[in-house]
């Protein structure tokens, strides 16, 4: 079994050594394409899906529901729990809407447009 494993490793190393230029180009192109996807394509997909799912409209609707007058319902404990849960979800929605693809708060106009809601 050890002879088979060492023979396989030697064959791979011999192939890599004889074709070093294509292997190097393949590795460099792989790193390049991964960097392009992580820096350009994935963030644009993330912003597209935030617009497509209508996070801004959902946040506006949640804000209007939270700002309604509920004077006669504040004595009910179930209402208070549901109201606080909705407020928590609103904060979570705003955190997702104002974050970038890595989950970090984004800088720029997108964050400000959601904070004005």
N, C-alpha and C. Protein backbone atom coordinates (compact mmCIF):
# COMPACT_ATOMS: atom_id res chain seq x y z
N UNK A 1 0.82 -1.19 0.00
CA UNK A 1 0.00 0.00 0.00
C UNK A 1 0.87 1.25 0.00
N UNK A 2 1.97 1.26 0.76
CA UNK A 2 2.85 2.42 0.81
C UNK A 2 3.52 2.66 -0.54
N UNK A 3 3.84 1.58 -1.24
CA UNK A 3 4.47 1.75 -2.55
C UNK A 3 3.51 2.42 -3.53
N UNK A 4 2.23 2.04 -3.44
CA UNK A 4 1.24 2.62 -4.33
C UNK A 4 1.05 4.10 -4.05
N UNK A 5 0.99 4.49 -2.77
CA UNK A 5 0.80 5.89 -2.40
C UNK A 5 2.01 6.72 -2.81
N UNK A 6 3.22 6.21 -2.58
CA UNK A 6 4.41 6.97 -2.94
C UNK A 6 4.55 7.04 -4.46
N UNK A 7 4.19 6.02 -5.16
CA UNK A 7 4.26 6.03 -6.62
C UNK A 7 3.29 7.06 -7.19
N UNK A 8 2.10 7.16 -6.63
CA UNK A 8 1.10 8.12 -7.10
C UNK A 8 1.57 9.56 -6.88
N UNK A 9 2.16 9.81 -5.73
CA UNK A 9 2.66 11.15 -5.42
C UNK A 9 3.81 11.51 -6.36
N UNK A 10 4.67 10.59 -6.62
CA UNK A 10 5.81 10.84 -7.51
C UNK A 10 5.31 11.13 -8.92
N UNK A 11 4.31 10.40 -9.38
CA UNK A 11 3.76 10.64 -10.72
C UNK A 11 3.14 12.04 -10.82
N UNK A 12 2.41 12.46 -9.79
CA UNK A 12 1.79 13.78 -9.80
C UNK A 12 2.87 14.87 -9.79
N UNK A 13 3.86 14.72 -8.93
CA UNK A 13 4.93 15.71 -8.87
C UNK A 13 5.72 15.77 -10.17
N UNK A 14 5.92 14.62 -10.80
CA UNK A 14 6.62 14.59 -12.08
C UNK A 14 5.81 15.29 -13.17
N UNK A 15 4.50 15.10 -13.16
CA UNK A 15 3.64 15.76 -14.15
C UNK A 15 3.63 17.26 -13.93
N UNK A 16 3.55 17.68 -12.68
CA UNK A 16 3.55 19.12 -12.38
C UNK A 16 4.89 19.73 -12.77
N UNK A 17 5.98 19.04 -12.53
CA UNK A 17 7.30 19.57 -12.87
C UNK A 17 7.49 19.67 -14.38
N UNK A 18 6.95 18.73 -15.13
CA UNK A 18 7.13 18.77 -16.58
C UNK A 18 6.20 19.78 -17.24
N UNK A 19 5.04 20.07 -16.63
CA UNK A 19 4.09 21.03 -17.18
C UNK A 19 3.91 22.20 -16.21
N UNK A 20 5.00 22.81 -15.79
CA UNK A 20 4.91 23.85 -14.75
C UNK A 20 4.22 25.12 -15.24
N UNK A 21 4.40 25.46 -16.50
CA UNK A 21 3.80 26.70 -17.01
C UNK A 21 2.27 26.62 -17.05
N UNK A 22 1.67 25.57 -17.61
CA UNK A 22 0.20 25.50 -17.58
C UNK A 22 -0.37 25.40 -16.16
N UNK A 23 0.35 24.72 -15.27
CA UNK A 23 -0.12 24.61 -13.88
C UNK A 23 -0.07 25.99 -13.22
N UNK A 24 0.99 26.74 -13.44
CA UNK A 24 1.10 28.07 -12.87
C UNK A 24 0.03 29.01 -13.43
N UNK A 25 -0.21 28.95 -14.73
CA UNK A 25 -1.25 29.78 -15.34
C UNK A 25 -2.62 29.41 -14.79
N UNK A 26 -2.88 28.13 -14.62
CA UNK A 26 -4.18 27.68 -14.08
C UNK A 26 -4.38 28.18 -12.66
N UNK A 27 -3.35 28.09 -11.84
CA UNK A 27 -3.45 28.56 -10.45
C UNK A 27 -3.68 30.06 -10.41
N UNK A 28 -2.93 30.81 -11.21
CA UNK A 28 -3.08 32.27 -11.22
C UNK A 28 -4.46 32.69 -11.74
N UNK A 29 -4.94 32.03 -12.79
CA UNK A 29 -6.27 32.35 -13.31
C UNK A 29 -7.36 31.99 -12.29
N UNK A 30 -7.17 30.91 -11.56
CA UNK A 30 -8.14 30.53 -10.54
C UNK A 30 -8.22 31.60 -9.46
N UNK A 31 -7.07 32.07 -8.98
CA UNK A 31 -7.07 33.14 -7.98
C UNK A 31 -7.71 34.42 -8.54
N UNK A 32 -7.42 34.73 -9.79
CA UNK A 32 -7.98 35.91 -10.42
C UNK A 32 -9.51 35.83 -10.50
N UNK A 33 -10.04 34.70 -10.94
CA UNK A 33 -11.49 34.56 -11.06
C UNK A 33 -12.19 34.55 -9.70
N UNK A 34 -11.57 33.96 -8.71
CA UNK A 34 -12.14 33.99 -7.36
C UNK A 34 -12.19 35.42 -6.84
N UNK A 35 -11.14 36.18 -7.08
CA UNK A 35 -11.12 37.57 -6.64
C UNK A 35 -12.18 38.39 -7.37
N UNK A 36 -12.35 38.16 -8.67
CA UNK A 36 -13.38 38.87 -9.44
C UNK A 36 -14.77 38.54 -8.89
N UNK A 37 -15.03 37.28 -8.63
CA UNK A 37 -16.34 36.90 -8.11
C UNK A 37 -16.59 37.49 -6.73
N UNK A 38 -15.60 37.46 -5.85
CA UNK A 38 -15.80 37.96 -4.49
C UNK A 38 -15.92 39.47 -4.43
N UNK A 39 -15.21 40.18 -5.28
CA UNK A 39 -15.19 41.64 -5.19
C UNK A 39 -16.23 42.32 -6.07
N UNK A 40 -16.62 41.72 -7.19
CA UNK A 40 -17.50 42.40 -8.13
C UNK A 40 -18.86 41.70 -8.27
N UNK A 41 -18.86 40.43 -8.55
CA UNK A 41 -20.11 39.75 -8.91
C UNK A 41 -20.98 39.48 -7.69
N UNK A 42 -20.44 38.91 -6.61
CA UNK A 42 -21.26 38.59 -5.44
C UNK A 42 -21.88 39.82 -4.79
N UNK A 43 -21.15 40.93 -4.61
CA UNK A 43 -21.81 42.12 -4.03
C UNK A 43 -22.94 42.65 -4.91
N UNK A 44 -22.80 42.59 -6.23
CA UNK A 44 -23.87 43.05 -7.10
C UNK A 44 -25.09 42.14 -7.01
N UNK A 45 -24.87 40.83 -6.91
CA UNK A 45 -25.99 39.90 -6.71
C UNK A 45 -26.70 40.20 -5.41
N UNK A 46 -25.94 40.47 -4.37
CA UNK A 46 -26.52 40.75 -3.05
C UNK A 46 -27.40 41.99 -3.10
N UNK A 47 -26.92 43.05 -3.72
CA UNK A 47 -27.71 44.27 -3.84
C UNK A 47 -28.93 44.05 -4.73
N UNK A 48 -28.78 43.27 -5.79
CA UNK A 48 -29.90 42.96 -6.67
C UNK A 48 -31.01 42.23 -5.91
N UNK A 49 -30.64 41.25 -5.12
CA UNK A 49 -31.65 40.49 -4.38
C UNK A 49 -32.29 41.32 -3.28
N UNK A 50 -31.56 42.27 -2.70
CA UNK A 50 -32.19 43.16 -1.72
C UNK A 50 -33.25 44.02 -2.40
N UNK A 51 -32.98 44.49 -3.62
CA UNK A 51 -33.99 45.26 -4.35
C UNK A 51 -35.13 44.36 -4.81
N UNK A 52 -34.80 43.17 -5.28
CA UNK A 52 -35.81 42.25 -5.82
C UNK A 52 -36.78 41.80 -4.74
N UNK A 53 -36.30 41.54 -3.55
CA UNK A 53 -37.17 41.12 -2.45
C UNK A 53 -37.90 42.29 -1.82
N UNK A 54 -37.57 43.50 -2.20
CA UNK A 54 -38.28 44.68 -1.72
C UNK A 54 -38.06 44.98 -0.26
N UNK A 55 -36.83 44.97 0.16
CA UNK A 55 -36.54 45.23 1.58
C UNK A 55 -36.93 46.65 1.97
N UNK A 56 -36.79 47.59 1.06
CA UNK A 56 -37.14 48.97 1.39
C UNK A 56 -38.64 49.11 1.63
N UNK A 57 -39.45 48.49 0.76
CA UNK A 57 -40.91 48.55 0.94
C UNK A 57 -41.34 47.82 2.21
N UNK A 58 -40.70 46.70 2.49
CA UNK A 58 -41.02 45.96 3.71
C UNK A 58 -40.68 46.78 4.95
N UNK A 59 -39.56 47.47 4.91
CA UNK A 59 -39.16 48.30 6.06
C UNK A 59 -40.13 49.47 6.24
N UNK A 60 -40.57 50.08 5.14
CA UNK A 60 -41.54 51.17 5.24
C UNK A 60 -42.86 50.68 5.82
N UNK A 61 -43.30 49.51 5.38
CA UNK A 61 -44.56 48.95 5.88
C UNK A 61 -44.44 48.62 7.38
N UNK A 62 -43.33 48.03 7.77
CA UNK A 62 -43.13 47.71 9.18
C UNK A 62 -43.09 48.98 10.03
N UNK A 63 -42.47 50.03 9.51
CA UNK A 63 -42.41 51.28 10.26
C UNK A 63 -43.80 51.88 10.44
N UNK A 64 -44.60 51.83 9.38
CA UNK A 64 -45.95 52.39 9.50
C UNK A 64 -46.79 51.60 10.50
N UNK A 65 -46.60 50.28 10.54
CA UNK A 65 -47.33 49.46 11.51
C UNK A 65 -46.86 49.77 12.92
N UNK A 66 -45.57 49.96 13.10
CA UNK A 66 -45.04 50.26 14.43
C UNK A 66 -45.43 51.65 14.92
N UNK A 67 -45.68 52.57 14.00
CA UNK A 67 -46.01 53.94 14.40
C UNK A 67 -47.51 54.17 14.58
N UNK A 68 -48.35 53.18 14.30
CA UNK A 68 -49.79 53.35 14.51
C UNK A 68 -50.10 53.54 15.99
N UNK A 69 -51.28 54.07 16.24
CA UNK A 69 -51.70 54.30 17.63
C UNK A 69 -52.38 53.04 18.17
N UNK A 70 -51.83 52.50 19.24
CA UNK A 70 -52.37 51.29 19.87
C UNK A 70 -52.67 51.57 21.35
N UNK A 71 -53.30 52.70 21.65
CA UNK A 71 -53.50 53.12 23.04
C UNK A 71 -54.30 52.10 23.85
N UNK A 72 -55.34 51.53 23.27
CA UNK A 72 -56.19 50.61 24.04
C UNK A 72 -55.63 49.20 24.12
N UNK A 73 -54.60 48.89 23.35
CA UNK A 73 -54.06 47.52 23.34
C UNK A 73 -52.84 47.33 24.24
N UNK A 74 -52.29 48.40 24.78
CA UNK A 74 -51.07 48.27 25.57
C UNK A 74 -51.27 47.51 26.88
N UNK A 75 -52.50 47.33 27.32
CA UNK A 75 -52.73 46.59 28.56
C UNK A 75 -52.66 45.07 28.35
N UNK A 76 -52.75 44.63 27.12
CA UNK A 76 -52.69 43.19 26.84
C UNK A 76 -51.24 42.75 26.68
N UNK A 77 -50.88 41.71 27.42
CA UNK A 77 -49.48 41.26 27.40
C UNK A 77 -49.12 40.63 26.06
N UNK A 78 -50.06 39.93 25.43
CA UNK A 78 -49.76 39.30 24.13
C UNK A 78 -49.43 40.36 23.08
N UNK A 79 -50.16 41.47 23.12
CA UNK A 79 -49.88 42.55 22.17
C UNK A 79 -48.50 43.13 22.40
N UNK A 80 -48.15 43.35 23.65
CA UNK A 80 -46.83 43.91 23.96
C UNK A 80 -45.71 42.99 23.47
N UNK A 81 -45.87 41.69 23.68
CA UNK A 81 -44.86 40.73 23.22
C UNK A 81 -44.77 40.74 21.70
N UNK A 82 -45.92 40.77 21.01
CA UNK A 82 -45.93 40.78 19.56
C UNK A 82 -45.34 42.09 19.01
N UNK A 83 -45.64 43.20 19.67
CA UNK A 83 -45.10 44.48 19.24
C UNK A 83 -43.59 44.51 19.37
N UNK A 84 -43.08 44.00 20.49
CA UNK A 84 -41.63 43.97 20.68
C UNK A 84 -40.96 43.02 19.70
N UNK A 85 -41.63 41.91 19.38
CA UNK A 85 -41.08 40.98 18.38
C UNK A 85 -41.03 41.63 17.00
N UNK A 86 -42.07 42.38 16.65
CA UNK A 86 -42.07 43.09 15.37
C UNK A 86 -40.98 44.16 15.34
N UNK A 87 -40.80 44.85 16.44
CA UNK A 87 -39.74 45.86 16.51
C UNK A 87 -38.37 45.21 16.36
N UNK A 88 -38.18 44.05 16.97
CA UNK A 88 -36.92 43.32 16.85
C UNK A 88 -36.68 42.91 15.40
N UNK A 89 -37.72 42.42 14.74
CA UNK A 89 -37.58 42.03 13.34
C UNK A 89 -37.30 43.23 12.45
N UNK A 90 -37.88 44.37 12.78
CA UNK A 90 -37.60 45.60 12.03
C UNK A 90 -36.13 45.98 12.14
N UNK A 91 -35.58 45.89 13.33
CA UNK A 91 -34.16 46.20 13.52
C UNK A 91 -33.28 45.20 12.77
N UNK A 92 -33.67 43.93 12.78
CA UNK A 92 -32.92 42.92 12.05
C UNK A 92 -32.98 43.15 10.55
N UNK A 93 -34.16 43.53 10.05
CA UNK A 93 -34.32 43.83 8.63
C UNK A 93 -33.46 45.02 8.22
N UNK A 94 -33.45 46.05 9.04
CA UNK A 94 -32.60 47.21 8.73
C UNK A 94 -31.12 46.86 8.79
N UNK A 95 -30.75 45.97 9.70
CA UNK A 95 -29.34 45.55 9.76
C UNK A 95 -28.94 44.79 8.49
N UNK A 96 -29.82 43.93 8.01
CA UNK A 96 -29.53 43.20 6.77
C UNK A 96 -29.53 44.16 5.58
N UNK A 97 -30.49 45.07 5.55
CA UNK A 97 -30.60 45.99 4.42
C UNK A 97 -29.43 46.95 4.33
N UNK A 98 -28.84 47.29 5.45
CA UNK A 98 -27.72 48.24 5.44
C UNK A 98 -26.37 47.56 5.51
N UNK A 99 -26.33 46.25 5.32
CA UNK A 99 -25.05 45.54 5.37
C UNK A 99 -24.62 45.16 3.95
N UNK A 100 -23.34 44.87 3.83
CA UNK A 100 -22.84 44.42 2.55
C UNK A 100 -22.87 42.90 2.50
N UNK A 101 -22.26 42.33 1.48
CA UNK A 101 -22.33 40.89 1.27
C UNK A 101 -21.62 40.11 2.39
N UNK A 102 -20.67 40.75 3.08
CA UNK A 102 -19.96 40.09 4.18
C UNK A 102 -20.63 40.28 5.53
N UNK A 103 -21.74 41.00 5.56
CA UNK A 103 -22.44 41.24 6.81
C UNK A 103 -21.95 42.45 7.57
N UNK A 104 -21.00 43.17 7.02
CA UNK A 104 -20.49 44.38 7.67
C UNK A 104 -21.36 45.57 7.25
N UNK A 105 -21.52 46.55 8.12
CA UNK A 105 -22.30 47.74 7.72
C UNK A 105 -21.66 48.41 6.52
N UNK A 106 -22.47 48.67 5.52
CA UNK A 106 -21.92 49.29 4.31
C UNK A 106 -21.93 50.80 4.45
N UNK A 107 -21.04 51.40 3.72
CA UNK A 107 -20.93 52.85 3.71
C UNK A 107 -21.54 53.35 2.41
N UNK A 108 -22.13 54.52 2.46
CA UNK A 108 -22.63 55.10 1.22
C UNK A 108 -24.12 55.33 1.22
N UNK A 109 -24.64 55.52 0.03
CA UNK A 109 -26.04 55.94 -0.12
C UNK A 109 -27.03 54.86 0.28
N UNK A 110 -26.70 53.59 0.13
CA UNK A 110 -27.64 52.53 0.46
C UNK A 110 -27.98 52.55 1.94
N UNK A 111 -26.98 52.73 2.78
CA UNK A 111 -27.21 52.77 4.22
C UNK A 111 -28.07 53.97 4.59
N UNK A 112 -27.78 55.12 4.00
CA UNK A 112 -28.53 56.32 4.33
C UNK A 112 -29.97 56.24 3.86
N UNK A 113 -30.22 55.60 2.73
CA UNK A 113 -31.60 55.51 2.25
C UNK A 113 -32.45 54.64 3.16
N UNK A 114 -31.88 53.64 3.78
CA UNK A 114 -32.65 52.81 4.69
C UNK A 114 -32.79 53.47 6.06
N UNK A 115 -31.84 54.28 6.46
CA UNK A 115 -31.93 54.95 7.75
C UNK A 115 -32.98 56.05 7.76
N UNK A 116 -33.31 56.56 6.55
CA UNK A 116 -34.35 57.60 6.46
C UNK A 116 -35.75 57.05 6.60
N UNK A 117 -35.91 55.74 6.56
CA UNK A 117 -37.24 55.12 6.63
C UNK A 117 -37.85 55.37 8.00
